[in-house]
PDB file of all heavy atoms in Angstrom:
ATOM      1  N   VAL A   1     110.344 212.256  35.942  1.00  0.00           N
ATOM      2  CA  VAL A   1     110.301 212.724  37.443  1.00  0.00           C
ATOM      3  C   VAL A   1     111.259 211.716  38.132  1.00  0.00           C
ATOM      4  O   VAL A   1     110.907 210.556  38.155  1.00  0.00           O
ATOM      5  CB  VAL A   1     108.970 212.933  38.035  1.00  0.00           C
ATOM      6  CG1 VAL A   1     108.990 213.460  39.403  1.00  0.00           C
ATOM      7  CG2 VAL A   1     108.075 213.726  37.043  1.00  0.00           C
ATOM      8  N   GLY A   2     112.140 212.343  38.911  1.00  0.00           N
ATOM      9  CA  GLY A   2     113.088 211.511  39.746  1.00  0.00           C
ATOM     10  C   GLY A   2     112.507 211.288  41.172  1.00  0.00           C
ATOM     11  O   GLY A   2     111.820 212.302  41.594  1.00  0.00           O
ATOM     12  N   TYR A   3     112.722 210.127  41.750  1.00  0.00           N
ATOM     13  CA  TYR A   3     112.280 209.896  43.096  1.00  0.00           C
ATOM     14  C   TYR A   3     113.500 209.820  43.978  1.00  0.00           C
ATOM     15  O   TYR A   3     114.284 208.919  43.774  1.00  0.00           O
ATOM     16  CB  TYR A   3     111.473 208.666  43.025  1.00  0.00           C
ATOM     17  CG  TYR A   3     111.013 208.134  44.436  1.00  0.00           C
ATOM     18  CD1 TYR A   3     110.004 208.928  45.278  1.00  0.00           C
ATOM     19  CD2 TYR A   3     111.542 207.098  45.067  1.00  0.00           C
ATOM     20  CE1 TYR A   3     109.676 208.420  46.552  1.00  0.00           C
ATOM     21  CE2 TYR A   3     111.231 206.643  46.411  1.00  0.00           C
ATOM     22  CZ  TYR A   3     110.275 207.455  47.123  1.00  0.00           C
ATOM     23  OH  TYR A   3     109.985 207.071  48.382  1.00  0.00           O
ATOM     24  N   LYS A   4     113.611 210.609  45.086  1.00  0.00           N
ATOM     25  CA  LYS A   4     114.673 210.567  45.964  1.00  0.00           C
ATOM     26  C   LYS A   4     114.302 210.007  47.262  1.00  0.00           C
ATOM     27  O   LYS A   4     115.118 209.878  48.148  1.00  0.00           O
ATOM     28  CB  LYS A   4     115.267 211.946  46.213  1.00  0.00           C
ATOM     29  CG  LYS A   4     115.672 212.729  44.957  1.00  0.00           C
ATOM     30  CD  LYS A   4     116.476 213.978  45.248  1.00  0.00           C
ATOM     31  CE  LYS A   4     115.562 214.952  45.939  1.00  0.00           C
ATOM     32  NZ  LYS A   4     116.249 216.198  46.213  1.00  0.00           N
ATOM     33  N   GLY A   5     113.009 209.595  47.351  1.00  0.00           N
ATOM     34  CA  GLY A   5     112.603 209.101  48.675  1.00  0.00           C
ATOM     35  C   GLY A   5     113.157 207.645  49.113  1.00  0.00           C
ATOM     36  O   GLY A   5     113.923 207.149  48.418  1.00  0.00           O
ATOM     37  N   THR A   6     112.797 207.184  50.214  1.00  0.00           N
ATOM     38  CA  THR A   6     113.302 205.913  50.864  1.00  0.00           C
ATOM     39  C   THR A   6     112.277 204.742  50.948  1.00  0.00           C
ATOM     40  O   THR A   6     112.540 203.803  51.377  1.00  0.00           O
ATOM     41  CB  THR A   6     113.960 206.071  52.135  1.00  0.00           C
ATOM     42  OG1 THR A   6     112.921 206.626  52.964  1.00  0.00           O
ATOM     43  CG2 THR A   6     115.066 207.191  51.970  1.00  0.00           C
ATOM     44  N   LYS A   7     111.085 205.092  50.455  1.00  0.00           N
ATOM     45  CA  LYS A   7     109.989 203.985  50.683  1.00  0.00           C
ATOM     46  C   LYS A   7     110.248 202.848  49.642  1.00  0.00           C
ATOM     47  O   LYS A   7     110.799 202.962  48.605  1.00  0.00           O
ATOM     48  CB  LYS A   7     108.612 204.541  50.429  1.00  0.00           C
ATOM     49  CG  LYS A   7     108.148 205.829  51.314  1.00  0.00           C
ATOM     50  CD  LYS A   7     108.034 205.328  52.710  1.00  0.00           C
ATOM     51  CE  LYS A   7     107.510 206.537  53.568  1.00  0.00           C
ATOM     52  NZ  LYS A   7     107.180 206.262  54.839  1.00  0.00           N
ATOM     53  N   ARG A   8     109.617 201.719  50.050  1.00  0.00           N
ATOM     54  CA  ARG A   8     110.002 200.497  49.279  1.00  0.00           C
ATOM     55  C   ARG A   8     109.129 200.501  47.943  1.00  0.00           C
ATOM     56  O   ARG A   8     109.666 200.116  46.952  1.00  0.00           O
ATOM     57  CB  ARG A   8     109.708 199.172  50.136  1.00  0.00           C
ATOM     58  CG  ARG A   8     109.895 198.010  49.353  1.00  0.00           C
ATOM     59  CD  ARG A   8     109.763 196.667  50.121  1.00  0.00           C
ATOM     60  NE  ARG A   8     109.890 195.485  49.400  1.00  0.00           N
ATOM     61  CZ  ARG A   8     110.244 194.380  49.815  1.00  0.00           C
ATOM     62  NH1 ARG A   8     110.118 194.162  51.199  1.00  0.00           N
ATOM     63  NH2 ARG A   8     110.193 193.372  49.090  1.00  0.00           N
ATOM     64  N   TYR A   9     108.002 200.998  47.962  1.00  0.00           N
ATOM     65  CA  TYR A   9     107.057 200.967  46.788  1.00  0.00           C
ATOM     66  C   TYR A   9     106.837 202.344  46.304  1.00  0.00           C
ATOM     67  O   TYR A   9     106.611 203.332  47.069  1.00  0.00           O
ATOM     68  CB  TYR A   9     105.706 200.306  47.198  1.00  0.00           C
ATOM     69  CG  TYR A   9     105.949 198.762  47.754  1.00  0.00           C
ATOM     70  CD1 TYR A   9     106.007 198.515  49.078  1.00  0.00           C
ATOM     71  CD2 TYR A   9     105.986 197.718  46.796  1.00  0.00           C
ATOM     72  CE1 TYR A   9     106.230 197.242  49.516  1.00  0.00           C
ATOM     73  CE2 TYR A   9     106.196 196.502  47.176  1.00  0.00           C
ATOM     74  CZ  TYR A   9     106.331 196.319  48.564  1.00  0.00           C
ATOM     75  OH  TYR A   9     106.475 194.953  49.073  1.00  0.00           O
ATOM     76  N   VAL A  10     106.721 202.372  45.008  1.00  0.00           N
ATOM     77  CA  VAL A  10     106.398 203.717  44.292  1.00  0.00           C
ATOM     78  C   VAL A  10     105.310 203.302  43.204  1.00  0.00           C
ATOM     79  O   VAL A  10     105.450 202.266  42.622  1.00  0.00           O
ATOM     80  CB  VAL A  10     107.740 204.256  43.623  1.00  0.00           C
ATOM     81  CG1 VAL A  10     107.439 205.547  42.929  1.00  0.00           C
ATOM     82  CG2 VAL A  10     108.842 204.428  44.649  1.00  0.00           C
ATOM     83  N   ARG A  11     104.484 204.342  43.022  1.00  0.00           N
ATOM     84  CA  ARG A  11     103.537 204.119  41.916  1.00  0.00           C
ATOM     85  C   ARG A  11     103.103 205.482  41.428  1.00  0.00           C
ATOM     86  O   ARG A  11     103.475 206.561  42.041  1.00  0.00           O
ATOM     87  CB  ARG A  11     102.309 203.339  42.297  1.00  0.00           C
ATOM     88  CG  ARG A  11     101.342 204.203  43.262  1.00  0.00           C
ATOM     89  CD  ARG A  11     100.082 203.515  43.633  1.00  0.00           C
ATOM     90  NE  ARG A  11      99.136 204.186  44.332  1.00  0.00           N
ATOM     91  CZ  ARG A  11      98.008 203.874  44.852  1.00  0.00           C
ATOM     92  NH1 ARG A  11      97.772 202.534  44.812  1.00  0.00           N
ATOM     93  NH2 ARG A  11      97.245 204.642  45.508  1.00  0.00           N
ATOM     94  N   VAL A  12     102.332 205.492  40.313  1.00  0.00           N
ATOM     95  CA  VAL A  12     101.832 206.738  39.801  1.00  0.00           C
ATOM     96  C   VAL A  12     100.237 206.596  39.940  1.00  0.00           C
ATOM     97  O   VAL A  12      99.617 205.541  39.609  1.00  0.00           O
ATOM     98  CB  VAL A  12     102.145 206.900  38.296  1.00  0.00           C
ATOM     99  CG1 VAL A  12     101.277 207.914  37.564  1.00  0.00           C
ATOM    100  CG2 VAL A  12     103.709 207.219  38.133  1.00  0.00           C
ATOM    101  N   ALA A  13      99.643 207.785  40.341  1.00  0.00           N
ATOM    102  CA  ALA A  13      98.165 207.892  40.325  1.00  0.00           C
ATOM    103  C   ALA A  13      97.821 209.009  39.408  1.00  0.00           C
ATOM    104  O   ALA A  13      98.702 209.911  39.265  1.00  0.00           O
ATOM    105  CB  ALA A  13      97.694 208.034  41.715  1.00  0.00           C
ATOM    106  N   VAL A  14      96.690 209.035  38.825  1.00  0.00           N
ATOM    107  CA  VAL A  14      96.316 210.141  37.972  1.00  0.00           C
ATOM    108  C   VAL A  14      94.936 210.490  38.444  1.00  0.00           C
ATOM    109  O   VAL A  14      94.036 209.732  38.703  1.00  0.00           O
ATOM    110  CB  VAL A  14      96.310 209.762  36.565  1.00  0.00           C
ATOM    111  CG1 VAL A  14      95.448 208.620  36.236  1.00  0.00           C
ATOM    112  CG2 VAL A  14      95.960 210.998  35.648  1.00  0.00           C
ATOM    113  N   THR A  15      94.751 211.831  38.519  1.00  0.00           N
ATOM    114  CA  THR A  15      93.393 212.403  38.620  1.00  0.00           C
ATOM    115  C   THR A  15      93.008 213.091  37.283  1.00  0.00           C
ATOM    116  O   THR A  15      93.559 214.065  36.801  1.00  0.00           O
ATOM    117  CB  THR A  15      93.428 213.581  39.907  1.00  0.00           C
ATOM    118  OG1 THR A  15      93.892 212.867  40.961  1.00  0.00           O
ATOM    119  CG2 THR A  15      92.070 214.072  40.035  1.00  0.00           C
ATOM    120  N   ALA A  16      91.965 212.582  36.694  1.00  0.00           N
ATOM    121  CA  ALA A  16      91.360 213.105  35.499  1.00  0.00           C
ATOM    122  C   ALA A  16      90.249 214.008  35.786  1.00  0.00           C
ATOM    123  O   ALA A  16      89.431 213.714  36.619  1.00  0.00           O
ATOM    124  CB  ALA A  16      91.062 211.997  34.532  1.00  0.00           C
ATOM    125  N   SER A  17      90.086 215.113  35.065  1.00  0.00           N
ATOM    126  CA  SER A  17      88.918 215.999  35.270  1.00  0.00           C
ATOM    127  C   SER A  17      88.799 216.610  33.911  1.00  0.00           C
ATOM    128  O   SER A  17      89.619 216.775  33.003  1.00  0.00           O
ATOM    129  CB  SER A  17      89.243 217.166  36.256  1.00  0.00           C
ATOM    130  OG  SER A  17      90.443 217.828  35.943  1.00  0.00           O
ATOM    131  N   GLY A  18      87.337 216.912  33.699  1.00  0.00           N
ATOM    132  CA  GLY A  18      86.960 217.571  32.480  1.00  0.00           C
ATOM    133  C   GLY A  18      87.059 216.733  31.195  1.00  0.00           C
ATOM    134  O   GLY A  18      87.264 217.247  30.101  1.00  0.00           O
ATOM    135  N   THR A  19      87.021 215.416  31.353  1.00  0.00           N
ATOM    136  CA  THR A  19      87.172 214.544  30.202  1.00  0.00           C
ATOM    137  C   THR A  19      85.908 214.147  29.643  1.00  0.00           C
ATOM    138  O   THR A  19      84.898 213.889  30.329  1.00  0.00           O
ATOM    139  CB  THR A  19      88.045 213.309  30.610  1.00  0.00           C
ATOM    140  OG1 THR A  19      87.308 212.568  31.617  1.00  0.00           O
ATOM    141  CG2 THR A  19      89.316 213.621  31.198  1.00  0.00           C
ATOM    142  N   THR A  20      85.889 213.999  28.351  1.00  0.00           N
ATOM    143  CA  THR A  20      84.791 213.421  27.480  1.00  0.00           C
ATOM    144  C   THR A  20      85.373 212.080  26.822  1.00  0.00           C
ATOM    145  O   THR A  20      84.996 210.889  27.238  1.00  0.00           O
ATOM    146  CB  THR A  20      84.155 214.291  26.493  1.00  0.00           C
ATOM    147  OG1 THR A  20      83.719 215.448  27.099  1.00  0.00           O
ATOM    148  CG2 THR A  20      83.116 213.681  25.822  1.00  0.00           C
ATOM    149  N   SER A  21      86.267 212.298  26.005  1.00  0.00           N
ATOM    150  CA  SER A  21      87.102 211.200  25.330  1.00  0.00           C
ATOM    151  C   SER A  21      88.380 210.980  25.980  1.00  0.00           C
ATOM    152  O   SER A  21      89.083 209.784  25.788  1.00  0.00           O
ATOM    153  CB  SER A  21      87.159 211.406  23.900  1.00  0.00           C
ATOM    154  OG  SER A  21      87.762 212.726  23.589  1.00  0.00           O
ATOM    155  N   GLY A  22      88.927 211.909  26.776  1.00  0.00           N
ATOM    156  CA  GLY A  22      90.098 211.653  27.655  1.00  0.00           C
ATOM    157  C   GLY A  22      91.442 211.713  26.822  1.00  0.00           C
ATOM    158  O   GLY A  22      91.690 212.467  25.879  1.00  0.00           O
ATOM    159  N   GLY A  23      92.285 210.732  27.219  1.00  0.00           N
ATOM    160  CA  GLY A  23      93.569 210.775  26.506  1.00  0.00           C
ATOM    161  C   GLY A  23      94.249 209.391  26.725  1.00  0.00           C
ATOM    162  O   GLY A  23      93.914 208.627  27.671  1.00  0.00           O
ATOM    163  N   THR A  24      95.267 209.087  25.935  1.00  0.00           N
ATOM    164  CA  THR A  24      95.975 207.883  25.947  1.00  0.00           C
ATOM    165  C   THR A  24      97.343 208.082  26.543  1.00  0.00           C
ATOM    166  O   THR A  24      98.092 208.867  26.087  1.00  0.00           O
ATOM    167  CB  THR A  24      96.084 207.170  24.562  1.00  0.00           C
ATOM    168  OG1 THR A  24      94.820 207.003  24.063  1.00  0.00           O
ATOM    169  CG2 THR A  24      96.759 205.779  24.593  1.00  0.00           C
ATOM    170  N   TYR A  25      97.654 207.413  27.641  1.00  0.00           N
ATOM    171  CA  TYR A  25      99.014 207.579  28.324  1.00  0.00           C
ATOM    172  C   TYR A  25      99.199 206.350  29.238  1.00  0.00           C
ATOM    173  O   TYR A  25      98.335 205.638  29.515  1.00  0.00           O
ATOM    174  CB  TYR A  25      99.186 208.817  29.034  1.00  0.00           C
ATOM    175  CG  TYR A  25      97.978 209.091  29.978  1.00  0.00           C
ATOM    176  CD1 TYR A  25      98.103 208.649  31.359  1.00  0.00           C
ATOM    177  CD2 TYR A  25      96.836 209.702  29.622  1.00  0.00           C
ATOM    178  CE1 TYR A  25      97.212 208.956  32.298  1.00  0.00           C
ATOM    179  CE2 TYR A  25      95.840 209.979  30.489  1.00  0.00           C
ATOM    180  CZ  TYR A  25      95.858 209.601  31.890  1.00  0.00           C
ATOM    181  OH  TYR A  25      94.994 209.805  32.628  1.00  0.00           O
ATOM    182  N   GLY A  26     100.508 206.135  29.640  1.00  0.00           N
ATOM    183  CA  GLY A  26     100.868 205.191  30.620  1.00  0.00           C
ATOM    184  C   GLY A  26     102.120 205.697  31.377  1.00  0.00           C
ATOM    185  O   GLY A  26     102.570 206.781  31.060  1.00  0.00           O
ATOM    186  N   ALA A  27     102.527 204.929  32.369  1.00  0.00           N
ATOM    187  CA  ALA A  27     103.696 205.250  33.102  1.00  0.00           C
ATOM    188  C   ALA A  27     104.507 204.028  33.504  1.00  0.00           C
ATOM    189  O   ALA A  27     103.931 203.031  33.815  1.00  0.00           O
ATOM    190  CB  ALA A  27     103.305 206.048  34.375  1.00  0.00           C
ATOM    191  N   SER A  28     105.744 204.245  33.455  1.00  0.00           N
ATOM    192  CA  SER A  28     106.728 203.124  34.042  1.00  0.00           C
ATOM    193  C   SER A  28     107.606 203.800  34.983  1.00  0.00           C
ATOM    194  O   SER A  28     107.853 204.937  35.033  1.00  0.00           O
ATOM    195  CB  SER A  28     107.565 202.641  32.672  1.00  0.00           C
ATOM    196  OG  SER A  28     106.686 202.147  31.778  1.00  0.00           O
ATOM    197  N   ILE A  29     108.237 202.889  35.679  1.00  0.00           N
ATOM    198  CA  ILE A  29     109.367 203.231  36.738  1.00  0.00           C
ATOM    199  C   ILE A  29     110.610 202.598  36.340  1.00  0.00           C
ATOM    200  O   ILE A  29     110.615 201.316  36.262  1.00  0.00           O
ATOM    201  CB  ILE A  29     108.945 202.998  38.118  1.00  0.00           C
ATOM    202  CG1 ILE A  29     107.566 203.753  38.437  1.00  0.00           C
ATOM    203  CG2 ILE A  29     109.995 203.236  39.097  1.00  0.00           C
ATOM    204  CD1 ILE A  29     107.011 203.706  39.733  1.00  0.00           C
ATOM    205  N   VAL A  30     111.645 203.367  36.168  1.00  0.00           N
ATOM    206  CA  VAL A  30     113.038 202.853  35.897  1.00  0.00           C
ATOM    207  C   VAL A  30     113.722 202.686  37.253  1.00  0.00           C
ATOM    208  O   VAL A  30     113.816 203.688  37.967  1.00  0.00           O
ATOM    209  CB  VAL A  30     113.691 203.732  35.054  1.00  0.00           C
ATOM    210  CG1 VAL A  30     115.164 203.214  34.680  1.00  0.00           C
ATOM    211  CG2 VAL A  30     113.121 203.939  33.685  1.00  0.00           C
ATOM    212  N   LEU A  31     114.113 201.450  37.519  1.00  0.00           N
ATOM    213  CA  LEU A  31     114.877 201.258  38.807  1.00  0.00           C
ATOM    214  C   LEU A  31     116.298 201.076  38.415  1.00  0.00           C
ATOM    215  O   LEU A  31     116.657 200.454  37.573  1.00  0.00           O
ATOM    216  CB  LEU A  31     114.296 199.991  39.518  1.00  0.00           C
ATOM    217  CG  LEU A  31     112.868 199.939  39.858  1.00  0.00           C
ATOM    218  CD1 LEU A  31     112.519 198.605  40.228  1.00  0.00           C
ATOM    219  CD2 LEU A  31     112.608 201.015  41.024  1.00  0.00           C
ATOM    220  N   ALA A  32     117.148 201.787  39.236  1.00  0.00           N
ATOM    221  CA  ALA A  32     118.608 201.838  39.043  1.00  0.00           C
ATOM    222  C   ALA A  32     119.459 201.735  40.259  1.00  0.00           C
ATOM    223  O   ALA A  32     118.874 201.971  41.284  1.00  0.00           O
ATOM    224  CB  ALA A  32     118.872 203.096  38.181  1.00  0.00           C
ATOM    225  N   ASN A  33     120.796 201.568  40.015  1.00  0.00           N
ATOM    226  CA  ASN A  33     121.745 201.488  41.086  1.00  0.00           C
ATOM    227  C   ASN A  33     121.381 200.476  42.080  1.00  0.00           C
ATOM    228  O   ASN A  33     121.242 200.773  43.273  1.00  0.00           O
ATOM    229  CB  ASN A  33     121.861 202.985  41.621  1.00  0.00           C
ATOM    230  CG  ASN A  33     123.103 203.070  42.448  1.00  0.00           C
ATOM    231  OD1 ASN A  33     123.919 202.233  42.429  1.00  0.00           O
ATOM    232  ND2 ASN A  33     123.076 204.167  43.272  1.00  0.00           N
ATOM    233  N   PRO A  34     121.414 199.209  41.676  1.00  0.00           N
ATOM    234  CA  PRO A  34     121.082 198.046  42.708  1.00  0.00           C
ATOM    235  C   PRO A  34     122.099 197.812  43.549  1.00  0.00           C
ATOM    236  O   PRO A  34     123.316 198.050  43.462  1.00  0.00           O
ATOM    237  CB  PRO A  34     120.856 196.934  41.782  1.00  0.00           C
ATOM    238  CG  PRO A  34     121.795 197.160  40.571  1.00  0.00           C
ATOM    239  CD  PRO A  34     121.658 198.681  40.339  1.00  0.00           C
ATOM    240  N   ARG A  35     121.758 197.464  44.881  1.00  0.00           N
ATOM    241  CA  ARG A  35     122.685 196.976  45.857  1.00  0.00           C
ATOM    242  C   ARG A  35     123.302 195.698  45.410  1.00  0.00           C
ATOM    243  O   ARG A  35     124.519 195.406  45.794  1.00  0.00           O
ATOM    244  CB  ARG A  35     122.068 196.849  47.208  1.00  0.00           C
ATOM    245  CG  ARG A  35     121.708 198.208  47.780  1.00  0.00           C
ATOM    246  CD  ARG A  35     121.152 198.016  49.100  1.00  0.00           C
ATOM    247  NE  ARG A  35     120.770 199.132  50.004  1.00  0.00           N
ATOM    248  CZ  ARG A  35     120.544 200.330  49.943  1.00  0.00           C
ATOM    249  NH1 ARG A  35     120.662 200.824  48.647  1.00  0.00           N
ATOM    250  NH2 ARG A  35     120.229 201.198  50.753  1.00  0.00           N
TER     251      ARG A  35
END
C-alpha cells in the first residue's frame, strides 16, 4: 500500500477478530526519494 500523505510518522495497526490460533504476519515501511 502506498502512502501519499505528508505526516512525519507512519505505522501499521491491526484489528484482529474471530481468532483462536490467529496468524503470523508483520509489516515494514519502505522509505524512498530522500531529500
